[in-house]
Amino acid sequence: MGSSFTYEKPNDEKYHASLVKYLEFKGEKDLALLLNNAKCVIVTTTSFSHVRWDAFRAGVRFYVPLKKLSEVEPDSADKLLPFCQELMPADSGYDIMDVEFSPSIESAENIDASVSKIDETVTGLSREIMAAILPADLMQKGEEMAALYVYLYSIENALRLFIEIVAKSRYGGDYINNLMMSHNMKQKLSDRKADAARKRWLPSRGTSELFYLDFDDLGLMIQNNWELFKGYFPKLEWITTKVDELADCRNLVAHNSYLEEPQRNLVKTYYTTILMQLDSTMRELVTKAG
């Protein structure tokens, strides 16, 4: 007996617009305002929701401008969840199981678009073939790690930009040669730049030499130049401990390992606290630089 579901998710933009209007109608003006300038992506999966027979689980991600992140309350996602569930067409075959917030960064949108495209392709296969090629639990874990990578990618590069802006404000364009670095860091930077020069068919790591350094190197950079950066953090251990733990998680995700829920929650918590710490500083420094 075939399923009565279409397994087609609604258009992201139309769903988002309808959700904002629905929230306003329900008197949830704060939530509606929070989503006004956000981007919405419905991420489907091929894992059963266990809510309805033959229905798959799905999630909704809202990409919010950085300046609005402080307005996201700890229970904002929980408050939004029932409204997101109500607006998902019943015949789509998808049950909304979670809501997440992320910064509106281009890379985040690209990753989610890619994940959604994979999901749509895989959903078109028969379940028997899909189970043989890619078990549902493996696909679900892959989606969870893809979403987590967005957090890690965002905070790693936000720290790079922060270090660059602060150092430039003190030392100017030649800031990299004025920063205290260990011999190993200098060697790594030199070797990777030389390797990039030989492999010109590959894209550049980034616009700054800091992109040639690893995530954990950023913590060491702040530590080695604490006199320059100490005005931006409560204390040295506050930032270095977080960077070390995030770097460990990043390396596991980069090597296709799976992080359990406690580690995933840790990444999201550190992501939020670090970005909130840097938010006003970054805007002030960018304004001065401009």
C-alpha atoms as a PDB file:
ATOM      1  CA  MET A   1       0.000   0.000   0.000  1.00  0.00           C
ATOM      2  CA  GLY A   2       1.532   3.315  -1.112  1.00  0.00           C
ATOM      3  CA  SER A   3       1.920   6.349   1.080  1.00  0.00           C
ATOM      4  CA  SER A   4      -0.523   9.264   0.850  1.00  0.00           C
ATOM      5  CA  PHE A   5       2.284  11.751   1.489  1.00  0.00           C
ATOM      6  CA  THR A   6       3.834  13.882  -1.254  1.00  0.00           C
ATOM      7  CA  TYR A   7       7.264  14.100   0.464  1.00  0.00           C
ATOM      8  CA  GLU A   8       7.576  17.618  -0.898  1.00  0.00           C
ATOM      9  CA  LYS A   9       8.454  20.405   1.510  1.00  0.00           C
ATOM     10  CA  PRO A  10       6.908  23.870   1.043  1.00  0.00           C
ATOM     11  CA  ASN A  11       8.888  26.706  -0.494  1.00  0.00           C
ATOM     12  CA  ASP A  12      11.222  28.100   2.195  1.00  0.00           C
ATOM     13  CA  GLU A  13      10.451  31.770   1.489  1.00  0.00           C
ATOM     14  CA  LYS A  14       6.678  31.296   1.321  1.00  0.00           C
ATOM     15  CA  TYR A  15       6.714  29.197   4.493  1.00  0.00           C
ATOM     16  CA  HIS A  16       8.743  31.900   6.240  1.00  0.00           C
ATOM     17  CA  ALA A  17       6.414  34.701   5.119  1.00  0.00           C
ATOM     18  CA  SER A  18       3.348  32.731   6.220  1.00  0.00           C
ATOM     19  CA  LEU A  19       4.948  31.965   9.581  1.00  0.00           C
ATOM     20  CA  VAL A  20       5.657  35.648  10.302  1.00  0.00           C
ATOM     21  CA  LYS A  21       2.041  36.572   9.470  1.00  0.00           C
ATOM     22  CA  TYR A  22       0.737  33.673  11.550  1.00  0.00           C
ATOM     23  CA  LEU A  23       2.827  34.766  14.547  1.00  0.00           C
ATOM     24  CA  GLU A  24       1.480  38.301  14.233  1.00  0.00           C
ATOM     25  CA  PHE A  25      -2.073  36.927  14.046  1.00  0.00           C
ATOM     26  CA  LYS A  26      -1.449  34.878  17.200  1.00  0.00           C
ATOM     27  CA  GLY A  27      -0.160  37.934  19.062  1.00  0.00           C
ATOM     28  CA  GLU A  28       3.466  36.696  19.116  1.00  0.00           C
ATOM     29  CA  LYS A  29       4.872  40.042  17.997  1.00  0.00           C
ATOM     30  CA  ASP A  30       8.343  39.545  19.521  1.00  0.00           C
ATOM     31  CA  LEU A  31       8.853  36.272  17.659  1.00  0.00           C
ATOM     32  CA  ALA A  32       7.533  37.823  14.449  1.00  0.00           C
ATOM     33  CA  LEU A  33       9.976  40.736  14.752  1.00  0.00           C
ATOM     34  CA  LEU A  34      12.839  38.341  15.446  1.00  0.00           C
ATOM     35  CA  LEU A  35      12.126  36.514  12.181  1.00  0.00           C
ATOM     36  CA  ASN A  36      11.482  39.609  10.069  1.00  0.00           C
ATOM     37  CA  ASN A  37      14.990  39.850   8.578  1.00  0.00           C
ATOM     38  CA  ALA A  38      15.865  36.197   9.005  1.00  0.00           C
ATOM     39  CA  LYS A  39      16.249  33.545   6.322  1.00  0.00           C
ATOM     40  CA  CYS A  40      14.357  30.294   6.750  1.00  0.00           C
ATOM     41  CA  VAL A  41      15.516  26.868   5.568  1.00  0.00           C
ATOM     42  CA  ILE A  42      13.457  23.712   6.037  1.00  0.00           C
ATOM     43  CA  VAL A  43      15.843  20.771   6.322  1.00  0.00           C
ATOM     44  CA  THR A  44      14.239  17.438   5.533  1.00  0.00           C
ATOM     45  CA  THR A  45      15.588  14.016   6.454  1.00  0.00           C
ATOM     46  CA  THR A  46      14.938  10.383   5.608  1.00  0.00           C
ATOM     47  CA  SER A  47      14.622   9.337   9.240  1.00  0.00           C
ATOM     48  CA  PHE A  48      11.145   8.428  10.493  1.00  0.00           C
ATOM     49  CA  SER A  49       9.655  10.982  12.887  1.00  0.00           C
ATOM     50  CA  HIS A  50       7.788   8.317  14.909  1.00  0.00           C
ATOM     51  CA  VAL A  51       4.961  10.849  15.196  1.00  0.00           C
ATOM     52  CA  ARG A  52       2.980   9.606  12.209  1.00  0.00           C
ATOM     53  CA  TRP A  53       3.402   6.339  10.363  1.00  0.00           C
ATOM     54  CA  ASP A  54       5.547   6.758   7.250  1.00  0.00           C
ATOM     55  CA  ALA A  55       6.348  10.403   8.001  1.00  0.00           C
ATOM     56  CA  PHE A  56       9.916  11.727   8.106  1.00  0.00           C
ATOM     57  CA  ARG A  57      11.427  14.157  10.593  1.00  0.00           C
ATOM     58  CA  ALA A  58      12.380  17.665   9.522  1.00  0.00           C
ATOM     59  CA  GLY A  59      13.755  20.799  11.133  1.00  0.00           C
ATOM     60  CA  VAL A  60      13.549  24.529  10.551  1.00  0.00           C
ATOM     61  CA  ARG A  61      16.649  26.728  10.718  1.00  0.00           C
ATOM     62  CA  PHE A  62      16.457  30.504  10.936  1.00  0.00           C
ATOM     63  CA  TYR A  63      19.521  32.497   9.895  1.00  0.00           C
ATOM     64  CA  VAL A  64      19.361  35.704  11.935  1.00  0.00           C
ATOM     65  CA  PRO A  65      21.512  38.830  11.404  1.00  0.00           C
ATOM     66  CA  LEU A  66      24.385  38.927  13.893  1.00  0.00           C
ATOM     67  CA  LYS A  67      23.071  42.073  15.586  1.00  0.00           C
ATOM     68  CA  LYS A  68      19.821  40.246  16.380  1.00  0.00           C
ATOM     69  CA  LEU A  69      21.429  37.204  17.986  1.00  0.00           C
ATOM     70  CA  SER A  70      21.189  38.830  21.397  1.00  0.00           C
ATOM     71  CA  GLU A  71      17.387  38.859  20.990  1.00  0.00           C
ATOM     72  CA  VAL A  72      17.271  35.068  20.717  1.00  0.00           C
ATOM     73  CA  GLU A  73      16.149  33.854  24.122  1.00  0.00           C
ATOM     74  CA  PRO A  74      16.968  30.360  25.482  1.00  0.00           C
ATOM     75  CA  ASP A  75      13.327  29.339  24.936  1.00  0.00           C
ATOM     76  CA  SER A  76      12.798  31.071  21.567  1.00  0.00           C
ATOM     77  CA  ALA A  77      13.191  27.804  19.650  1.00  0.00           C
ATOM     78  CA  ASP A  78      10.749  26.000  21.955  1.00  0.00           C
ATOM     79  CA  LYS A  79       8.198  28.798  21.557  1.00  0.00           C
ATOM     80  CA  LEU A  80       8.488  28.702  17.762  1.00  0.00           C
ATOM     81  CA  LEU A  81       8.308  24.923  17.416  1.00  0.00           C
ATOM     82  CA  PRO A  82       4.494  24.479  17.714  1.00  0.00           C
ATOM     83  CA  PHE A  83       3.844  27.287  15.216  1.00  0.00           C
ATOM     84  CA  CYS A  84       6.312  25.761  12.749  1.00  0.00           C
ATOM     85  CA  GLN A  85       4.615  22.396  13.190  1.00  0.00           C
ATOM     86  CA  GLU A  86       1.149  23.843  12.561  1.00  0.00           C
ATOM     87  CA  LEU A  87       2.199  25.491   9.299  1.00  0.00           C
ATOM     88  CA  MET A  88       3.831  22.387   7.803  1.00  0.00           C
ATOM     89  CA  PRO A  89       1.305  20.897   5.327  1.00  0.00           C
ATOM     90  CA  ALA A  90      -0.006  17.600   6.730  1.00  0.00           C
ATOM     91  CA  ASP A  91       0.282  15.822   3.368  1.00  0.00           C
ATOM     92  CA  SER A  92       3.961  16.733   2.960  1.00  0.00           C
ATOM     93  CA  GLY A  93       4.976  13.712   5.024  1.00  0.00           C
ATOM     94  CA  TYR A  94       7.348  15.748   7.176  1.00  0.00           C
ATOM     95  CA  ASP A  95       7.012  16.434  10.898  1.00  0.00           C
ATOM     96  CA  ILE A  96       8.905  19.441  12.276  1.00  0.00           C
ATOM     97  CA  MET A  97      10.865  18.133  15.258  1.00  0.00           C
ATOM     98  CA  ASP A  98      13.265  20.981  16.035  1.00  0.00           C
ATOM     99  CA  VAL A  99      13.967  24.669  15.466  1.00  0.00           C
ATOM    100  CA  GLU A 100      17.443  26.222  15.450  1.00  0.00           C
ATOM    101  CA  PHE A 101      18.952  29.705  15.126  1.00  0.00           C
ATOM    102  CA  SER A 102      22.228  30.535  13.356  1.00  0.00           C
ATOM    103  CA  PRO A 103      23.876  33.745  12.098  1.00  0.00           C
ATOM    104  CA  SER A 104      22.948  34.774   8.561  1.00  0.00           C
ATOM    105  CA  ILE A 105      26.282  33.800   6.992  1.00  0.00           C
ATOM    106  CA  GLU A 106      26.537  32.870   3.311  1.00  0.00           C
ATOM    107  CA  SER A 107      28.358  29.618   4.013  1.00  0.00           C
ATOM    108  CA  ALA A 108      25.596  28.505   6.376  1.00  0.00           C
ATOM    109  CA  GLU A 109      22.973  28.989   3.701  1.00  0.00           C
ATOM    110  CA  ASN A 110      25.041  27.129   1.120  1.00  0.00           C
ATOM    111  CA  ILE A 111      25.578  24.136   3.405  1.00  0.00           C
ATOM    112  CA  ASP A 112      21.891  23.888   4.253  1.00  0.00           C
ATOM    113  CA  ALA A 113      20.925  24.234   0.607  1.00  0.00           C
ATOM    114  CA  SER A 114      23.312  21.386  -0.249  1.00  0.00           C
ATOM    115  CA  VAL A 115      21.958  19.205   2.540  1.00  0.00           C
ATOM    116  CA  SER A 116      18.389  19.856   1.415  1.00  0.00           C
ATOM    117  CA  LYS A 117      19.303  18.986  -2.177  1.00  0.00           C
ATOM    118  CA  ILE A 118      20.834  15.679  -1.083  1.00  0.00           C
ATOM    119  CA  ASP A 119      17.724  14.919   0.947  1.00  0.00           C
ATOM    120  CA  GLU A 120      15.403  15.584  -1.991  1.00  0.00           C
ATOM    121  CA  THR A 121      17.444  13.301  -4.235  1.00  0.00           C
ATOM    122  CA  VAL A 122      17.648  10.484  -1.721  1.00  0.00           C
ATOM    123  CA  THR A 123      13.944  10.704  -0.873  1.00  0.00           C
ATOM    124  CA  GLY A 124      13.164   9.901  -4.509  1.00  0.00           C
ATOM    125  CA  LEU A 125      14.800   6.481  -4.162  1.00  0.00           C
ATOM    126  CA  SER A 126      12.850   3.494  -2.931  1.00  0.00           C
ATOM    127  CA  ARG A 127      13.347   2.842   0.762  1.00  0.00           C
ATOM    128  CA  GLU A 128      14.776  -0.596   0.098  1.00  0.00           C
ATOM    129  CA  ILE A 129      17.550   0.751  -2.134  1.00  0.00           C
ATOM    130  CA  MET A 130      18.173   3.721   0.155  1.00  0.00           C
ATOM    131  CA  ALA A 131      18.558   1.472   3.188  1.00  0.00           C
ATOM    132  CA  ALA A 132      21.139  -0.627   1.352  1.00  0.00           C
ATOM    133  CA  ILE A 133      23.126   2.366   0.096  1.00  0.00           C
ATOM    134  CA  LEU A 134      22.862   4.767   3.013  1.00  0.00           C
ATOM    135  CA  PRO A 135      21.196   3.738   6.290  1.00  0.00           C
ATOM    136  CA  ALA A 136      18.809   6.348   7.678  1.00  0.00           C
ATOM    137  CA  ASP A 137      20.694   6.724  10.955  1.00  0.00           C
ATOM    138  CA  LEU A 138      23.934   7.479   9.073  1.00  0.00           C
ATOM    139  CA  MET A 139      22.171  10.106   6.959  1.00  0.00           C
ATOM    140  CA  GLN A 140      20.702  11.682  10.097  1.00  0.00           C
ATOM    141  CA  LYS A 141      24.117  11.836  11.766  1.00  0.00           C
ATOM    142  CA  GLY A 142      25.611  13.380   8.638  1.00  0.00           C
ATOM    143  CA  GLU A 143      22.987  16.122   8.666  1.00  0.00           C
ATOM    144  CA  GLU A 144      23.601  16.819  12.339  1.00  0.00           C
ATOM    145  CA  MET A 145      27.340  17.145  11.731  1.00  0.00           C
ATOM    146  CA  ALA A 146      26.796  19.351   8.652  1.00  0.00           C
ATOM    147  CA  ALA A 147      24.703  21.719  10.762  1.00  0.00           C
ATOM    148  CA  LEU A 148      27.316  21.665  13.544  1.00  0.00           C
ATOM    149  CA  TYR A 149      30.089  22.481  11.061  1.00  0.00           C
ATOM    150  CA  VAL A 150      28.297  25.772  10.326  1.00  0.00           C
ATOM    151  CA  TYR A 151      28.707  26.812  13.967  1.00  0.00           C
ATOM    152  CA  LEU A 152      32.387  25.821  14.002  1.00  0.00           C
ATOM    153  CA  TYR A 153      33.133  27.435  10.636  1.00  0.00           C
ATOM    154  CA  SER A 154      31.437  30.664  11.735  1.00  0.00           C
ATOM    155  CA  ILE A 155      33.170  31.053  15.088  1.00  0.00           C
ATOM    156  CA  GLU A 156      36.606  30.053  13.737  1.00  0.00           C
ATOM    157  CA  ASN A 157      36.474  32.670  10.998  1.00  0.00           C
ATOM    158  CA  ALA A 158      34.908  35.294  13.272  1.00  0.00           C
ATOM    159  CA  LEU A 159      37.940  34.906  15.555  1.00  0.00           C
ATOM    160  CA  ARG A 160      40.309  35.239  12.589  1.00  0.00           C
ATOM    161  CA  LEU A 161      38.627  38.476  11.531  1.00  0.00           C
ATOM    162  CA  PHE A 162      38.633  39.746  15.120  1.00  0.00           C
ATOM    163  CA  ILE A 163      42.380  39.109  15.507  1.00  0.00           C
ATOM    164  CA  GLU A 164      43.095  40.748  12.153  1.00  0.00           C
ATOM    165  CA  ILE A 165      41.030  43.872  12.872  1.00  0.00           C
ATOM    166  CA  VAL A 166      42.470  44.380  16.370  1.00  0.00           C
ATOM    167  CA  ALA A 167      46.048  43.799  15.181  1.00  0.00           C
ATOM    168  CA  LYS A 168      45.615  46.097  12.179  1.00  0.00           C
ATOM    169  CA  SER A 169      44.270  48.852  14.422  1.00  0.00           C
ATOM    170  CA  ARG A 170      47.526  48.674  16.413  1.00  0.00           C
ATOM    171  CA  TYR A 171      50.179  47.726  13.817  1.00  0.00           C
ATOM    172  CA  GLY A 172      48.694  48.563  10.430  1.00  0.00           C
ATOM    173  CA  GLY A 173      48.893  46.438   7.288  1.00  0.00           C
ATOM    174  CA  ASP A 174      52.097  44.667   8.377  1.00  0.00           C
ATOM    175  CA  TYR A 175      50.416  43.402  11.560  1.00  0.00           C
ATOM    176  CA  ILE A 176      51.328  39.730  10.977  1.00  0.00           C
ATOM    177  CA  ASN A 177      55.045  40.466  11.394  1.00  0.00           C
ATOM    178  CA  ASN A 178      54.399  42.339  14.637  1.00  0.00           C
ATOM    179  CA  LEU A 179      52.415  39.590  16.341  1.00  0.00           C
ATOM    180  CA  MET A 180      54.216  37.209  18.700  1.00  0.00           C
ATOM    181  CA  MET A 181      54.173  33.694  17.244  1.00  0.00           C
ATOM    182  CA  SER A 182      55.957  30.497  18.166  1.00  0.00           C
ATOM    183  CA  HIS A 183      58.504  28.996  15.794  1.00  0.00           C
ATOM    184  CA  ASN A 184      56.052  26.192  14.963  1.00  0.00           C
ATOM    185  CA  MET A 185      53.317  28.668  14.021  1.00  0.00           C
ATOM    186  CA  LYS A 186      55.670  30.670  11.821  1.00  0.00           C
ATOM    187  CA  GLN A 187      56.861  27.487  10.129  1.00  0.00           C
ATOM    188  CA  LYS A 188      53.306  26.280   9.569  1.00  0.00           C
ATOM    189  CA  LEU A 189      52.306  29.614   8.040  1.00  0.00           C
ATOM    190  CA  SER A 190      55.356  29.642   5.759  1.00  0.00           C
ATOM    191  CA  ASP A 191      54.970  26.007   4.642  1.00  0.00           C
ATOM    192  CA  ARG A 192      51.255  26.357   3.888  1.00  0.00           C
ATOM    193  CA  LYS A 193      51.735  29.556   1.915  1.00  0.00           C
ATOM    194  CA  ALA A 194      54.434  27.847  -0.143  1.00  0.00           C
ATOM    195  CA  ASP A 195      52.202  24.819  -0.682  1.00  0.00           C
ATOM    196  CA  ALA A 196      49.329  27.062  -1.799  1.00  0.00           C
ATOM    197  CA  ALA A 197      51.639  28.790  -4.277  1.00  0.00           C
ATOM    198  CA  ARG A 198      52.473  25.412  -5.847  1.00  0.00           C
ATOM    199  CA  LYS A 199      48.821  24.340  -6.044  1.00  0.00           C
ATOM    200  CA  ARG A 200      47.309  27.316  -7.790  1.00  0.00           C
ATOM    201  CA  TRP A 201      44.392  25.247  -9.074  1.00  0.00           C
ATOM    202  CA  LEU A 202      43.037  25.180  -5.505  1.00  0.00           C
ATOM    203  CA  PRO A 203      41.196  28.228  -4.102  1.00  0.00           C
ATOM    204  CA  SER A 204      42.961  30.501  -1.655  1.00  0.00           C
ATOM    205  CA  ARG A 205      42.486  29.768   2.047  1.00  0.00           C
ATOM    206  CA  GLY A 206      41.378  33.348   2.622  1.00  0.00           C
ATOM    207  CA  THR A 207      42.302  36.992   2.320  1.00  0.00           C
ATOM    208  CA  SER A 208      44.451  36.991   5.472  1.00  0.00           C
ATOM    209  CA  GLU A 209      47.555  35.034   6.436  1.00  0.00           C
ATOM    210  CA  LEU A 210      45.639  34.015   9.576  1.00  0.00           C
ATOM    211  CA  PHE A 211      43.666  31.596   7.384  1.00  0.00           C
ATOM    212  CA  TYR A 212      46.818  29.478   7.051  1.00  0.00           C
ATOM    213  CA  LEU A 213      46.749  28.776  10.783  1.00  0.00           C
ATOM    214  CA  ASP A 214      44.601  26.174  12.571  1.00  0.00           C
ATOM    215  CA  PHE A 215      41.724  26.810  14.948  1.00  0.00           C
ATOM    216  CA  ASP A 216      43.785  26.084  18.081  1.00  0.00           C
ATOM    217  CA  ASP A 217      46.517  28.412  16.794  1.00  0.00           C
ATOM    218  CA  LEU A 218      44.059  31.287  17.172  1.00  0.00           C
ATOM    219  CA  GLY A 219      43.887  30.667  20.912  1.00  0.00           C
ATOM    220  CA  LEU A 220      47.685  30.637  21.078  1.00  0.00           C
ATOM    221  CA  MET A 221      47.800  33.853  19.067  1.00  0.00           C
ATOM    222  CA  ILE A 222      45.565  35.580  21.617  1.00  0.00           C
ATOM    223  CA  GLN A 223      47.589  34.104  24.487  1.00  0.00           C
ATOM    224  CA  ASN A 224      50.965  35.126  23.019  1.00  0.00           C
ATOM    225  CA  ASN A 225      49.680  38.660  22.424  1.00  0.00           C
ATOM    226  CA  TRP A 226      47.543  39.016  25.544  1.00  0.00           C
ATOM    227  CA  GLU A 227      48.522  42.664  26.115  1.00  0.00           C
ATOM    228  CA  LEU A 228      46.894  43.454  22.769  1.00  0.00           C
ATOM    229  CA  PHE A 229      43.729  41.420  23.299  1.00  0.00           C
ATOM    230  CA  LYS A 230      43.124  41.440  27.062  1.00  0.00           C
ATOM    231  CA  GLY A 231      40.721  44.377  26.874  1.00  0.00           C
ATOM    232  CA  TYR A 232      38.250  42.310  24.866  1.00  0.00           C
ATOM    233  CA  PHE A 233      37.806  39.287  27.174  1.00  0.00           C
ATOM    234  CA  PRO A 234      37.023  38.764  30.887  1.00  0.00           C
ATOM    235  CA  LYS A 235      40.288  36.841  31.325  1.00  0.00           C
ATOM    236  CA  LEU A 236      42.745  34.789  29.295  1.00  0.00           C
ATOM    237  CA  GLU A 237      41.374  31.370  30.318  1.00  0.00           C
ATOM    238  CA  TRP A 238      37.854  32.441  29.342  1.00  0.00           C
ATOM    239  CA  ILE A 239      38.733  32.474  25.643  1.00  0.00           C
ATOM    240  CA  THR A 240      41.658  30.017  25.402  1.00  0.00           C
ATOM    241  CA  THR A 241      39.768  27.170  27.104  1.00  0.00           C
ATOM    242  CA  LYS A 242      36.805  27.619  24.791  1.00  0.00           C
ATOM    243  CA  VAL A 243      38.985  27.758  21.670  1.00  0.00           C
ATOM    244  CA  ASP A 244      40.841  24.584  22.683  1.00  0.00           C
ATOM    245  CA  GLU A 245      37.600  22.661  23.245  1.00  0.00           C
ATOM    246  CA  LEU A 246      36.033  23.977  20.026  1.00  0.00           C
ATOM    247  CA  ALA A 247      39.178  23.048  18.095  1.00  0.00           C
ATOM    248  CA  ASP A 248      38.962  19.466  19.405  1.00  0.00           C
ATOM    249  CA  CYS A 249      35.319  19.266  18.282  1.00  0.00           C
ATOM    250  CA  ARG A 250      36.172  20.826  14.924  1.00  0.00           C
ATOM    251  CA  ASN A 251      38.888  18.236  14.264  1.00  0.00           C
ATOM    252  CA  LEU A 252      36.497  15.377  15.032  1.00  0.00           C
ATOM    253  CA  VAL A 253      33.815  16.764  12.702  1.00  0.00           C
ATOM    254  CA  ALA A 254      36.405  17.417   9.968  1.00  0.00           C
ATOM    255  CA  HIS A 255      37.441  13.760  10.140  1.00  0.00           C
ATOM    256  CA  ASN A 256      33.841  12.522   9.848  1.00  0.00           C
ATOM    257  CA  SER A 257      33.481  11.585  13.492  1.00  0.00           C
ATOM    258  CA  TYR A 258      30.152  11.921  15.273  1.00  0.00           C
ATOM    259  CA  LEU A 259      29.636  14.217  18.254  1.00  0.00           C
ATOM    260  CA  GLU A 260      27.047  13.236  20.831  1.00  0.00           C
ATOM    261  CA  GLU A 261      24.413  15.674  22.090  1.00  0.00           C
ATOM    262  CA  PRO A 262      26.469  17.023  25.073  1.00  0.00           C
ATOM    263  CA  GLN A 263      29.334  17.954  22.733  1.00  0.00           C
ATOM    264  CA  ARG A 264      26.946  19.471  20.189  1.00  0.00           C
ATOM    265  CA  ASN A 265      25.333  21.582  22.904  1.00  0.00           C
ATOM    266  CA  LEU A 266      28.773  22.684  24.100  1.00  0.00           C
ATOM    267  CA  VAL A 267      29.670  23.926  20.608  1.00  0.00           C
ATOM    268  CA  LYS A 268      26.421  25.891  20.327  1.00  0.00           C
ATOM    269  CA  THR A 269      26.846  27.403  23.795  1.00  0.00           C
ATOM    270  CA  TYR A 270      30.443  28.513  23.167  1.00  0.00           C
ATOM    271  CA  TYR A 271      29.459  29.789  19.729  1.00  0.00           C
ATOM    272  CA  THR A 272      26.778  32.031  21.244  1.00  0.00           C
ATOM    273  CA  THR A 273      28.855  33.313  24.179  1.00  0.00           C
ATOM    274  CA  ILE A 274      31.942  34.114  22.073  1.00  0.00           C
ATOM    275  CA  LEU A 275      29.978  35.886  19.336  1.00  0.00           C
ATOM    276  CA  MET A 276      28.024  37.896  21.899  1.00  0.00           C
ATOM    277  CA  GLN A 277      31.331  38.857  23.550  1.00  0.00           C
ATOM    278  CA  LEU A 278      32.778  39.985  20.201  1.00  0.00           C
ATOM    279  CA  ASP A 279      29.613  41.520  18.709  1.00  0.00           C
ATOM    280  CA  SER A 280      29.851  45.122  19.952  1.00  0.00           C
ATOM    281  CA  THR A 281      33.649  45.083  19.709  1.00  0.00           C
ATOM    282  CA  MET A 282      33.602  43.950  16.094  1.00  0.00           C
ATOM    283  CA  ARG A 283      31.039  46.560  15.091  1.00  0.00           C
ATOM    284  CA  GLU A 284      32.992  49.327  16.829  1.00  0.00           C
ATOM    285  CA  LEU A 285      36.303  48.277  15.252  1.00  0.00           C
ATOM    286  CA  VAL A 286      34.775  47.887  11.782  1.00  0.00           C
ATOM    287  CA  THR A 287      33.241  51.365  12.077  1.00  0.00           C
ATOM    288  CA  LYS A 288      36.611  52.855  13.049  1.00  0.00           C
ATOM    289  CA  ALA A 289      38.371  50.985  10.226  1.00  0.00           C
ATOM    290  CA  GLY A 290      35.811  52.294   7.749  1.00  0.00           C
END
